[in-house]
Amino acid sequence: MPEGDVVLRTARRLDEAFAGAVLRRAELRWGERDASVLVGDVTTEVVARGKHILHRTRAGWTLHSHLRMEGSWHLAHAGERVPARPDVRAVLATDAWIGLGLRLGMLDLLRTDDEHRLVGHLGPDILGADWDEDLAVRRLGQSPSPIGEALLDQRNLAGVGTLYASESLFLERLHPWARADTLGAETIRRLVRRAHRLLHANVAHVVQSSTGSRRNGENAYVHARSGRPCRRCHDTVRVAMIGDAPTRRTMFYCPSCQGGLAPGDDGAPQQPLGAGSRGRHRGYSARGRA
């Protein structure tokens, strides 16, 4: 799932393309949603809030989207031939740009004054101008959940996903299944600052990295490296589920560096994850060059 750095970069690119321009075309290909009210309206800004994208207009409308697991926004120059795609969920166009929302996980059109209905539950945005470290530390420190689960709970702080949760916990040598409310404020503060630094360091880069290297296969310590040697101790990195349905997520960790096996992990050998990647439609992605 795209994390806060990818979402912020996407919102910034959409803002560059649409802010101040008249919308000549607006389609929502999702159920009965109708975006015709946006035609002729002017985009004022496109901003990120955690993992949510808010496209605001002068008339007081907000087009809200969430990328979920595989969503993206693709930009093409007006007049450029854009191949037909069955996974298009939204189409926006100005005199200069066409924006395609692909495989979006959430898509809503609402009054800007009502945005709180969709994002009001979020904790402080780790990449936001109003980032509140103390509030994030306090919310995490009050959680009885495993710290890995609490870190992924967007109500505590917004923008962290499984990549940065796994990497931050590894770098701080914290067991992902330790109860958050037993760790102490200073430990949690170090963890939050670590996640904050990692996300900020990656906002400007298409290839995410926690190691300092952006070469394929060298850009993470534990994330997506189950079955492979730990870069620190050479034990085998493992993966296990964390949290309860329907919000269960994968967590990558090193049992030697982080205090033991996950609950329910019997230590049986795990095969390395496949290294193959699916092809993508080539073009200009709002995340970066496709």
C-alpha atoms as a PDB file:
ATOM      1  CA  MET A   1       0.000   0.000   0.000  1.00  0.00           C
ATOM      2  CA  PRO A   2       1.393   3.445  -0.893  1.00  0.00           C
ATOM      3  CA  GLU A   3       2.537   5.219   2.260  1.00  0.00           C
ATOM      4  CA  GLY A   4       2.532   8.857   3.290  1.00  0.00           C
ATOM      5  CA  ASP A   5       5.584   9.843   1.240  1.00  0.00           C
ATOM      6  CA  VAL A   6       4.102   8.425  -1.984  1.00  0.00           C
ATOM      7  CA  VAL A   7       0.721  10.024  -1.290  1.00  0.00           C
ATOM      8  CA  LEU A   8       2.286  13.420  -0.569  1.00  0.00           C
ATOM      9  CA  ARG A   9       4.367  13.262  -3.738  1.00  0.00           C
ATOM     10  CA  THR A  10       1.256  12.300  -5.713  1.00  0.00           C
ATOM     11  CA  ALA A  11      -0.750  15.188  -4.253  1.00  0.00           C
ATOM     12  CA  ARG A  12       2.019  17.663  -5.008  1.00  0.00           C
ATOM     13  CA  ARG A  13       2.224  16.553  -8.639  1.00  0.00           C
ATOM     14  CA  LEU A  14      -1.551  16.768  -9.033  1.00  0.00           C
ATOM     15  CA  ASP A  15      -1.491  20.213  -7.460  1.00  0.00           C
ATOM     16  CA  GLU A  16       1.151  21.353  -9.948  1.00  0.00           C
ATOM     17  CA  ALA A  17      -1.006  20.137 -12.817  1.00  0.00           C
ATOM     18  CA  PHE A  18      -4.464  21.268 -11.680  1.00  0.00           C
ATOM     19  CA  ALA A  19      -4.245  24.181  -9.228  1.00  0.00           C
ATOM     20  CA  GLY A  20      -5.705  27.367 -10.717  1.00  0.00           C
ATOM     21  CA  ALA A  21      -7.012  25.618 -13.826  1.00  0.00           C
ATOM     22  CA  VAL A  22     -10.585  25.146 -15.000  1.00  0.00           C
ATOM     23  CA  LEU A  23     -11.818  21.552 -15.040  1.00  0.00           C
ATOM     24  CA  ARG A  24     -13.118  20.829 -18.553  1.00  0.00           C
ATOM     25  CA  ARG A  25     -13.959  17.201 -17.847  1.00  0.00           C
ATOM     26  CA  ALA A  26     -14.797  15.292 -14.684  1.00  0.00           C
ATOM     27  CA  GLU A  27     -15.949  11.671 -14.574  1.00  0.00           C
ATOM     28  CA  LEU A  28     -16.246   9.206 -11.717  1.00  0.00           C
ATOM     29  CA  ARG A  29     -16.505   5.637 -12.926  1.00  0.00           C
ATOM     30  CA  TRP A  30     -17.581   4.185  -9.625  1.00  0.00           C
ATOM     31  CA  GLY A  31     -21.184   3.172  -9.072  1.00  0.00           C
ATOM     32  CA  GLU A  32     -23.601   6.060  -9.415  1.00  0.00           C
ATOM     33  CA  ARG A  33     -21.170   8.797  -8.404  1.00  0.00           C
ATOM     34  CA  ASP A  34     -21.557  11.905 -10.566  1.00  0.00           C
ATOM     35  CA  ALA A  35     -18.797  14.515 -10.948  1.00  0.00           C
ATOM     36  CA  SER A  36     -20.558  16.755 -13.466  1.00  0.00           C
ATOM     37  CA  VAL A  37     -20.797  19.507 -10.832  1.00  0.00           C
ATOM     38  CA  LEU A  38     -17.011  19.908 -11.137  1.00  0.00           C
ATOM     39  CA  VAL A  39     -17.069  20.799 -14.847  1.00  0.00           C
ATOM     40  CA  GLY A  40     -16.274  24.505 -15.160  1.00  0.00           C
ATOM     41  CA  ASP A  41     -15.065  24.682 -11.567  1.00  0.00           C
ATOM     42  CA  VAL A  42     -11.493  25.702 -10.687  1.00  0.00           C
ATOM     43  CA  THR A  43      -9.082  23.618  -8.630  1.00  0.00           C
ATOM     44  CA  THR A  44      -7.741  25.577  -5.677  1.00  0.00           C
ATOM     45  CA  GLU A  45      -5.354  22.934  -4.338  1.00  0.00           C
ATOM     46  CA  VAL A  46      -4.642  19.228  -4.067  1.00  0.00           C
ATOM     47  CA  VAL A  47      -3.312  18.193  -0.675  1.00  0.00           C
ATOM     48  CA  ALA A  48      -2.438  15.022   1.200  1.00  0.00           C
ATOM     49  CA  ARG A  49      -3.789  14.096   4.607  1.00  0.00           C
ATOM     50  CA  GLY A  50      -2.038  10.959   5.773  1.00  0.00           C
ATOM     51  CA  LYS A  51      -2.795   8.459   3.018  1.00  0.00           C
ATOM     52  CA  HIS A  52      -5.745  10.446   1.667  1.00  0.00           C
ATOM     53  CA  ILE A  53      -5.742  12.872  -1.283  1.00  0.00           C
ATOM     54  CA  LEU A  54      -8.066  15.889  -1.166  1.00  0.00           C
ATOM     55  CA  HIS A  55      -8.678  17.715  -4.459  1.00  0.00           C
ATOM     56  CA  ARG A  56     -10.412  20.993  -3.556  1.00  0.00           C
ATOM     57  CA  THR A  57     -12.226  23.432  -5.816  1.00  0.00           C
ATOM     58  CA  ARG A  58     -13.243  27.088  -5.721  1.00  0.00           C
ATOM     59  CA  ALA A  59     -16.946  26.211  -5.492  1.00  0.00           C
ATOM     60  CA  GLY A  60     -16.354  24.314  -2.257  1.00  0.00           C
ATOM     61  CA  TRP A  61     -16.158  20.736  -3.497  1.00  0.00           C
ATOM     62  CA  THR A  62     -13.587  18.110  -2.567  1.00  0.00           C
ATOM     63  CA  LEU A  63     -12.794  15.029  -4.606  1.00  0.00           C
ATOM     64  CA  HIS A  64     -11.404  12.562  -2.085  1.00  0.00           C
ATOM     65  CA  SER A  65      -9.346   9.553  -3.135  1.00  0.00           C
ATOM     66  CA  HIS A  66      -7.349   6.867  -1.375  1.00  0.00           C
ATOM     67  CA  LEU A  67      -4.849   4.687  -3.219  1.00  0.00           C
ATOM     68  CA  ARG A  68      -5.289   1.629  -0.975  1.00  0.00           C
ATOM     69  CA  MET A  69      -3.103  -1.253  -2.182  1.00  0.00           C
ATOM     70  CA  GLU A  70      -2.588  -0.599  -5.891  1.00  0.00           C
ATOM     71  CA  GLY A  71      -4.095   2.784  -6.725  1.00  0.00           C
ATOM     72  CA  SER A  72      -2.344   5.620  -8.524  1.00  0.00           C
ATOM     73  CA  TRP A  73      -2.981   8.843 -10.399  1.00  0.00           C
ATOM     74  CA  HIS A  74      -1.601   8.990 -13.940  1.00  0.00           C
ATOM     75  CA  LEU A  75      -1.053  12.320 -15.726  1.00  0.00           C
ATOM     76  CA  ALA A  76      -0.943  12.848 -19.472  1.00  0.00           C
ATOM     77  CA  HIS A  77      -0.656  16.019 -21.502  1.00  0.00           C
ATOM     78  CA  ALA A  78      -3.899  17.181 -23.086  1.00  0.00           C
ATOM     79  CA  GLY A  79      -4.076  15.867 -26.634  1.00  0.00           C
ATOM     80  CA  GLU A  80      -1.869  12.889 -25.824  1.00  0.00           C
ATOM     81  CA  ARG A  81      -3.391   9.567 -26.780  1.00  0.00           C
ATOM     82  CA  VAL A  82      -4.325   7.738 -23.575  1.00  0.00           C
ATOM     83  CA  PRO A  83      -5.049   4.024 -24.063  1.00  0.00           C
ATOM     84  CA  ALA A  84      -8.411   2.794 -22.805  1.00  0.00           C
ATOM     85  CA  ARG A  85      -8.075   1.055 -19.447  1.00  0.00           C
ATOM     86  CA  PRO A  86     -10.663  -0.972 -17.530  1.00  0.00           C
ATOM     87  CA  ASP A  87      -9.180   0.098 -14.170  1.00  0.00           C
ATOM     88  CA  VAL A  88      -9.872   3.835 -14.572  1.00  0.00           C
ATOM     89  CA  ARG A  89     -11.974   5.078 -11.651  1.00  0.00           C
ATOM     90  CA  ALA A  90     -11.763   8.841 -12.241  1.00  0.00           C
ATOM     91  CA  VAL A  91     -10.998  11.201 -15.117  1.00  0.00           C
ATOM     92  CA  LEU A  92     -10.172  14.889 -14.678  1.00  0.00           C
ATOM     93  CA  ALA A  93      -9.030  17.179 -17.478  1.00  0.00           C
ATOM     94  CA  THR A  94      -8.007  20.794 -17.994  1.00  0.00           C
ATOM     95  CA  ASP A  95      -6.789  22.539 -21.137  1.00  0.00           C
ATOM     96  CA  ALA A  96      -3.293  21.263 -20.341  1.00  0.00           C
ATOM     97  CA  TRP A  97      -3.589  17.968 -18.453  1.00  0.00           C
ATOM     98  CA  ILE A  98      -5.592  14.770 -18.186  1.00  0.00           C
ATOM     99  CA  GLY A  99      -5.575  12.948 -14.866  1.00  0.00           C
ATOM    100  CA  LEU A 100      -6.603   9.297 -14.567  1.00  0.00           C
ATOM    101  CA  GLY A 101      -7.325   7.750 -11.179  1.00  0.00           C
ATOM    102  CA  LEU A 102      -6.380   4.076 -11.534  1.00  0.00           C
ATOM    103  CA  ARG A 103      -7.460   1.244  -9.235  1.00  0.00           C
ATOM    104  CA  LEU A 104      -8.394   3.723  -6.521  1.00  0.00           C
ATOM    105  CA  GLY A 105      -9.473   2.184  -3.229  1.00  0.00           C
ATOM    106  CA  MET A 106     -11.749   5.050  -2.192  1.00  0.00           C
ATOM    107  CA  LEU A 107     -13.389   7.790  -4.226  1.00  0.00           C
ATOM    108  CA  ASP A 108     -15.864  10.358  -2.899  1.00  0.00           C
ATOM    109  CA  LEU A 109     -17.201  13.761  -3.899  1.00  0.00           C
ATOM    110  CA  LEU A 110     -18.330  15.919  -1.000  1.00  0.00           C
ATOM    111  CA  ARG A 111     -18.460  19.496   0.199  1.00  0.00           C
ATOM    112  CA  THR A 112     -15.105  20.711   1.473  1.00  0.00           C
ATOM    113  CA  ASP A 113     -16.753  21.664   4.761  1.00  0.00           C
ATOM    114  CA  ASP A 114     -17.611  17.982   5.217  1.00  0.00           C
ATOM    115  CA  GLU A 115     -14.099  16.586   4.779  1.00  0.00           C
ATOM    116  CA  HIS A 116     -14.027  15.712   8.465  1.00  0.00           C
ATOM    117  CA  ARG A 117     -16.463  12.892   7.715  1.00  0.00           C
ATOM    118  CA  LEU A 118     -13.677  11.066   5.874  1.00  0.00           C
ATOM    119  CA  VAL A 119     -10.441  12.275   7.471  1.00  0.00           C
ATOM    120  CA  GLY A 120     -11.491  13.692  10.828  1.00  0.00           C
ATOM    121  CA  HIS A 121     -10.589  10.465  12.606  1.00  0.00           C
ATOM    122  CA  LEU A 122      -6.950  10.629  11.543  1.00  0.00           C
ATOM    123  CA  GLY A 123      -4.157  11.304  13.981  1.00  0.00           C
ATOM    124  CA  PRO A 124      -1.448  13.898  13.323  1.00  0.00           C
ATOM    125  CA  ASP A 125      -0.051  13.676   9.800  1.00  0.00           C
ATOM    126  CA  ILE A 126       3.592  12.605  10.013  1.00  0.00           C
ATOM    127  CA  LEU A 127       4.370  14.643   6.883  1.00  0.00           C
ATOM    128  CA  GLY A 128       1.891  17.446   7.508  1.00  0.00           C
ATOM    129  CA  ALA A 129       2.626  21.073   8.280  1.00  0.00           C
ATOM    130  CA  ASP A 130       0.664  20.593  11.504  1.00  0.00           C
ATOM    131  CA  TRP A 131       2.635  17.516  12.601  1.00  0.00           C
ATOM    132  CA  ASP A 132       2.327  17.090  16.383  1.00  0.00           C
ATOM    133  CA  GLU A 133       4.975  14.713  17.698  1.00  0.00           C
ATOM    134  CA  ASP A 134       3.804  14.959  21.311  1.00  0.00           C
ATOM    135  CA  LEU A 135       0.256  13.975  20.403  1.00  0.00           C
ATOM    136  CA  ALA A 136       1.459  11.002  18.347  1.00  0.00           C
ATOM    137  CA  VAL A 137       3.697   9.823  21.201  1.00  0.00           C
ATOM    138  CA  ARG A 138       0.871  10.205  23.684  1.00  0.00           C
ATOM    139  CA  ARG A 139      -1.630   8.266  21.568  1.00  0.00           C
ATOM    140  CA  LEU A 140       0.810   5.439  20.915  1.00  0.00           C
ATOM    141  CA  GLY A 141       1.790   5.308  24.579  1.00  0.00           C
ATOM    142  CA  GLN A 142      -1.816   4.884  25.629  1.00  0.00           C
ATOM    143  CA  SER A 143      -2.494   2.008  23.237  1.00  0.00           C
ATOM    144  CA  PRO A 144      -2.781  -1.533  24.667  1.00  0.00           C
ATOM    145  CA  SER A 145      -2.131  -2.928  21.184  1.00  0.00           C
ATOM    146  CA  PRO A 146       1.195  -4.308  19.944  1.00  0.00           C
ATOM    147  CA  ILE A 147       3.408  -1.388  18.989  1.00  0.00           C
ATOM    148  CA  GLY A 148       3.537  -2.521  15.346  1.00  0.00           C
ATOM    149  CA  GLU A 149      -0.247  -2.532  15.160  1.00  0.00           C
ATOM    150  CA  ALA A 150      -0.505   0.807  16.976  1.00  0.00           C
ATOM    151  CA  LEU A 151       2.008   2.388  14.594  1.00  0.00           C
ATOM    152  CA  LEU A 152      -0.131   1.326  11.642  1.00  0.00           C
ATOM    153  CA  ASP A 153      -3.338   2.638  13.219  1.00  0.00           C
ATOM    154  CA  GLN A 154      -4.000   5.888  11.367  1.00  0.00           C
ATOM    155  CA  ARG A 155      -5.944   7.201  14.358  1.00  0.00           C
ATOM    156  CA  ASN A 156      -2.693   7.417  16.317  1.00  0.00           C
ATOM    157  CA  LEU A 157      -0.663   9.045  13.564  1.00  0.00           C
ATOM    158  CA  ALA A 158      -1.333   9.213   9.853  1.00  0.00           C
ATOM    159  CA  GLY A 159       0.921   8.205   6.976  1.00  0.00           C
ATOM    160  CA  VAL A 160       2.869   5.179   8.254  1.00  0.00           C
ATOM    161  CA  GLY A 161       2.373   1.866   6.463  1.00  0.00           C
ATOM    162  CA  THR A 162       3.935  -1.560   6.686  1.00  0.00           C
ATOM    163  CA  LEU A 163       7.213  -0.549   5.045  1.00  0.00           C
ATOM    164  CA  TYR A 164       8.064   2.265   7.435  1.00  0.00           C
ATOM    165  CA  ALA A 165       6.573   0.480  10.425  1.00  0.00           C
ATOM    166  CA  SER A 166       8.738  -2.603   9.810  1.00  0.00           C
ATOM    167  CA  GLU A 167      11.875  -0.576   9.085  1.00  0.00           C
ATOM    168  CA  SER A 168      11.453   1.832  12.012  1.00  0.00           C
ATOM    169  CA  LEU A 169      10.856  -0.980  14.498  1.00  0.00           C
ATOM    170  CA  PHE A 170      13.889  -2.859  13.208  1.00  0.00           C
ATOM    171  CA  LEU A 171      16.158   0.178  13.402  1.00  0.00           C
ATOM    172  CA  GLU A 172      15.007   0.842  16.973  1.00  0.00           C
ATOM    173  CA  ARG A 173      15.390  -2.864  17.881  1.00  0.00           C
ATOM    174  CA  LEU A 174      11.785  -3.076  19.068  1.00  0.00           C
ATOM    175  CA  HIS A 175       9.677  -6.214  19.041  1.00  0.00           C
ATOM    176  CA  PRO A 176       6.617  -5.401  16.890  1.00  0.00           C
ATOM    177  CA  TRP A 177       4.344  -7.383  19.229  1.00  0.00           C
ATOM    178  CA  ALA A 178       5.399  -5.611  22.452  1.00  0.00           C
ATOM    179  CA  ARG A 179       2.459  -3.772  24.016  1.00  0.00           C
ATOM    180  CA  ALA A 180       2.758  -0.102  23.176  1.00  0.00           C
ATOM    181  CA  ASP A 181       1.675   1.057  26.624  1.00  0.00           C
ATOM    182  CA  THR A 182       4.583  -0.815  28.259  1.00  0.00           C
ATOM    183  CA  LEU A 183       7.413   0.774  26.257  1.00  0.00           C
ATOM    184  CA  GLY A 184       7.681   4.193  27.866  1.00  0.00           C
ATOM    185  CA  ALA A 185       7.422   7.645  26.329  1.00  0.00           C
ATOM    186  CA  GLU A 186      11.093   8.043  25.422  1.00  0.00           C
ATOM    187  CA  THR A 187      11.242   4.732  23.566  1.00  0.00           C
ATOM    188  CA  ILE A 188       8.105   5.616  21.639  1.00  0.00           C
ATOM    189  CA  ARG A 189       9.414   9.096  20.915  1.00  0.00           C
ATOM    190  CA  ARG A 190      12.592   7.645  19.380  1.00  0.00           C
ATOM    191  CA  LEU A 191      10.454   5.325  17.259  1.00  0.00           C
ATOM    192  CA  VAL A 192       8.212   8.160  16.080  1.00  0.00           C
ATOM    193  CA  ARG A 193      11.204  10.335  15.229  1.00  0.00           C
ATOM    194  CA  ARG A 194      12.755   7.463  13.307  1.00  0.00           C
ATOM    195  CA  ALA A 195       9.601   6.996  11.220  1.00  0.00           C
ATOM    196  CA  HIS A 196       9.366  10.760  10.708  1.00  0.00           C
ATOM    197  CA  ARG A 197      12.948  10.947   9.410  1.00  0.00           C
ATOM    198  CA  LEU A 198      12.487   7.984   7.071  1.00  0.00           C
ATOM    199  CA  LEU A 199       9.334   9.327   5.458  1.00  0.00           C
ATOM    200  CA  HIS A 200      10.754  12.832   5.062  1.00  0.00           C
ATOM    201  CA  ALA A 201      13.934  11.443   3.494  1.00  0.00           C
ATOM    202  CA  ASN A 202      11.890   9.629   0.853  1.00  0.00           C
ATOM    203  CA  VAL A 203       9.358  12.258  -0.216  1.00  0.00           C
ATOM    204  CA  ALA A 204      11.535  13.381  -3.120  1.00  0.00           C
ATOM    205  CA  HIS A 205      12.379   9.870  -4.334  1.00  0.00           C
ATOM    206  CA  VAL A 206      10.365   7.360  -6.348  1.00  0.00           C
ATOM    207  CA  VAL A 207      12.398   4.467  -4.936  1.00  0.00           C
ATOM    208  CA  GLN A 208      11.909   4.260  -1.179  1.00  0.00           C
ATOM    209  CA  SER A 209      14.913   3.453   0.996  1.00  0.00           C
ATOM    210  CA  SER A 210      15.687   3.068   4.678  1.00  0.00           C
ATOM    211  CA  THR A 211      19.258   1.859   4.155  1.00  0.00           C
ATOM    212  CA  GLY A 212      20.640   4.800   2.196  1.00  0.00           C
ATOM    213  CA  SER A 213      20.819   2.738  -1.009  1.00  0.00           C
ATOM    214  CA  ARG A 214      18.149   2.917  -3.708  1.00  0.00           C
ATOM    215  CA  ARG A 215      19.460  -0.043  -5.672  1.00  0.00           C
ATOM    216  CA  ASN A 216      16.963  -2.841  -6.153  1.00  0.00           C
ATOM    217  CA  GLY A 217      17.275  -5.350  -3.315  1.00  0.00           C
ATOM    218  CA  GLU A 218      19.408  -3.050  -1.170  1.00  0.00           C
ATOM    219  CA  ASN A 219      16.880  -0.431  -0.110  1.00  0.00           C
ATOM    220  CA  ALA A 220      15.353  -2.112   2.974  1.00  0.00           C
ATOM    221  CA  TYR A 221      16.556  -3.890   6.099  1.00  0.00           C
ATOM    222  CA  VAL A 222      13.614  -6.226   6.703  1.00  0.00           C
ATOM    223  CA  HIS A 223      10.593  -5.158   4.656  1.00  0.00           C
ATOM    224  CA  ALA A 224       9.822  -7.732   1.943  1.00  0.00           C
ATOM    225  CA  ARG A 225      13.015  -9.620   2.926  1.00  0.00           C
ATOM    226  CA  SER A 226      11.497 -12.599   4.759  1.00  0.00           C
ATOM    227  CA  GLY A 227      13.581 -15.731   4.279  1.00  0.00           C
ATOM    228  CA  ARG A 228      16.716 -13.679   3.650  1.00  0.00           C
ATOM    229  CA  PRO A 229      19.651 -12.885   5.982  1.00  0.00           C
ATOM    230  CA  CYS A 230      19.341  -9.933   8.333  1.00  0.00           C
ATOM    231  CA  ARG A 231      21.724  -7.193   7.254  1.00  0.00           C
ATOM    232  CA  ARG A 232      22.703  -6.647  10.878  1.00  0.00           C
ATOM    233  CA  CYS A 233      23.049 -10.108  12.491  1.00  0.00           C
ATOM    234  CA  HIS A 234      22.640 -12.540   9.526  1.00  0.00           C
ATOM    235  CA  ASP A 235      19.771 -14.413  11.189  1.00  0.00           C
ATOM    236  CA  THR A 236      16.772 -15.002   8.911  1.00  0.00           C
ATOM    237  CA  VAL A 237      14.260 -12.185   8.500  1.00  0.00           C
ATOM    238  CA  ARG A 238      10.681 -13.352   9.065  1.00  0.00           C
ATOM    239  CA  VAL A 239       7.163 -12.197   8.249  1.00  0.00           C
ATOM    240  CA  ALA A 240       3.984 -12.600  10.309  1.00  0.00           C
ATOM    241  CA  MET A 241       0.552 -11.046  10.501  1.00  0.00           C
ATOM    242  CA  ILE A 242      -0.143  -8.359  13.053  1.00  0.00           C
ATOM    243  CA  GLY A 243      -3.505  -7.028  14.243  1.00  0.00           C
ATOM    244  CA  ASP A 244      -7.002  -8.416  13.959  1.00  0.00           C
ATOM    245  CA  ALA A 245      -9.293  -8.731  10.946  1.00  0.00           C
ATOM    246  CA  PRO A 246     -10.213  -6.725   8.964  1.00  0.00           C
ATOM    247  CA  THR A 247      -7.121  -4.576   9.587  1.00  0.00           C
ATOM    248  CA  ARG A 248      -4.524  -7.353   9.821  1.00  0.00           C
ATOM    249  CA  ARG A 249      -1.278  -6.441   8.096  1.00  0.00           C
ATOM    250  CA  THR A 250       2.055  -8.062   7.337  1.00  0.00           C
ATOM    251  CA  MET A 251       5.017  -7.274   9.574  1.00  0.00           C
ATOM    252  CA  PHE A 252       8.612  -8.080   8.670  1.00  0.00           C
ATOM    253  CA  TYR A 253      11.140  -8.456  11.478  1.00  0.00           C
ATOM    254  CA  CYS A 254      14.358 -10.074  12.652  1.00  0.00           C
ATOM    255  CA  PRO A 255      13.777 -12.293  15.707  1.00  0.00           C
ATOM    256  CA  SER A 256      17.396 -11.992  16.849  1.00  0.00           C
ATOM    257  CA  CYS A 257      17.578  -8.201  16.611  1.00  0.00           C
ATOM    258  CA  GLN A 258      14.049  -7.554  17.830  1.00  0.00           C
ATOM    259  CA  GLY A 259      13.503  -9.835  20.794  1.00  0.00           C
ATOM    260  CA  GLY A 260      12.165 -13.121  19.509  1.00  0.00           C
ATOM    261  CA  LEU A 261       9.525 -14.693  17.343  1.00  0.00           C
ATOM    262  CA  ALA A 262       6.066 -13.280  16.757  1.00  0.00           C
ATOM    263  CA  PRO A 263       3.168 -14.858  18.653  1.00  0.00           C
ATOM    264  CA  GLY A 264       2.113 -17.914  16.705  1.00  0.00           C
ATOM    265  CA  ASP A 265       5.321 -18.015  14.657  1.00  0.00           C
ATOM    266  CA  ASP A 266       6.687 -21.545  15.058  1.00  0.00           C
ATOM    267  CA  GLY A 267      10.026 -20.659  13.507  1.00  0.00           C
ATOM    268  CA  ALA A 268       9.498 -22.920  10.487  1.00  0.00           C
ATOM    269  CA  PRO A 269      11.612 -21.977   7.452  1.00  0.00           C
ATOM    270  CA  GLN A 270      10.134 -19.242   5.271  1.00  0.00           C
ATOM    271  CA  GLN A 271      10.879 -18.940   1.589  1.00  0.00           C
ATOM    272  CA  PRO A 272      12.129 -15.583   0.271  1.00  0.00           C
ATOM    273  CA  LEU A 273       9.425 -13.481  -1.312  1.00  0.00           C
ATOM    274  CA  GLY A 274       9.385 -13.464  -5.098  1.00  0.00           C
ATOM    275  CA  ALA A 275      11.348 -10.674  -6.714  1.00  0.00           C
ATOM    276  CA  GLY A 276       9.156 -10.390  -9.837  1.00  0.00           C
ATOM    277  CA  SER A 277       7.171  -7.220 -10.524  1.00  0.00           C
ATOM    278  CA  ARG A 278       4.178  -6.654 -12.703  1.00  0.00           C
ATOM    279  CA  GLY A 279       4.473  -4.397 -15.699  1.00  0.00           C
ATOM    280  CA  ARG A 280       2.773  -1.027 -15.702  1.00  0.00           C
ATOM    281  CA  HIS A 281       1.300   1.173 -18.379  1.00  0.00           C
ATOM    282  CA  ARG A 282       4.093   3.511 -19.350  1.00  0.00           C
ATOM    283  CA  GLY A 283       3.534   7.219 -19.069  1.00  0.00           C
ATOM    284  CA  TYR A 284       3.817  10.011 -16.546  1.00  0.00           C
ATOM    285  CA  SER A 285       2.640   8.900 -13.154  1.00  0.00           C
ATOM    286  CA  ALA A 286       1.778  11.427 -10.493  1.00  0.00           C
ATOM    287  CA  ARG A 287       4.090   9.375  -8.254  1.00  0.00           C
ATOM    288  CA  GLY A 288       7.005   9.880 -10.644  1.00  0.00           C
ATOM    289  CA  ARG A 289       8.176   8.428 -13.932  1.00  0.00           C
ATOM    290  CA  ALA A 290       6.456   5.109 -14.624  1.00  0.00           C
END
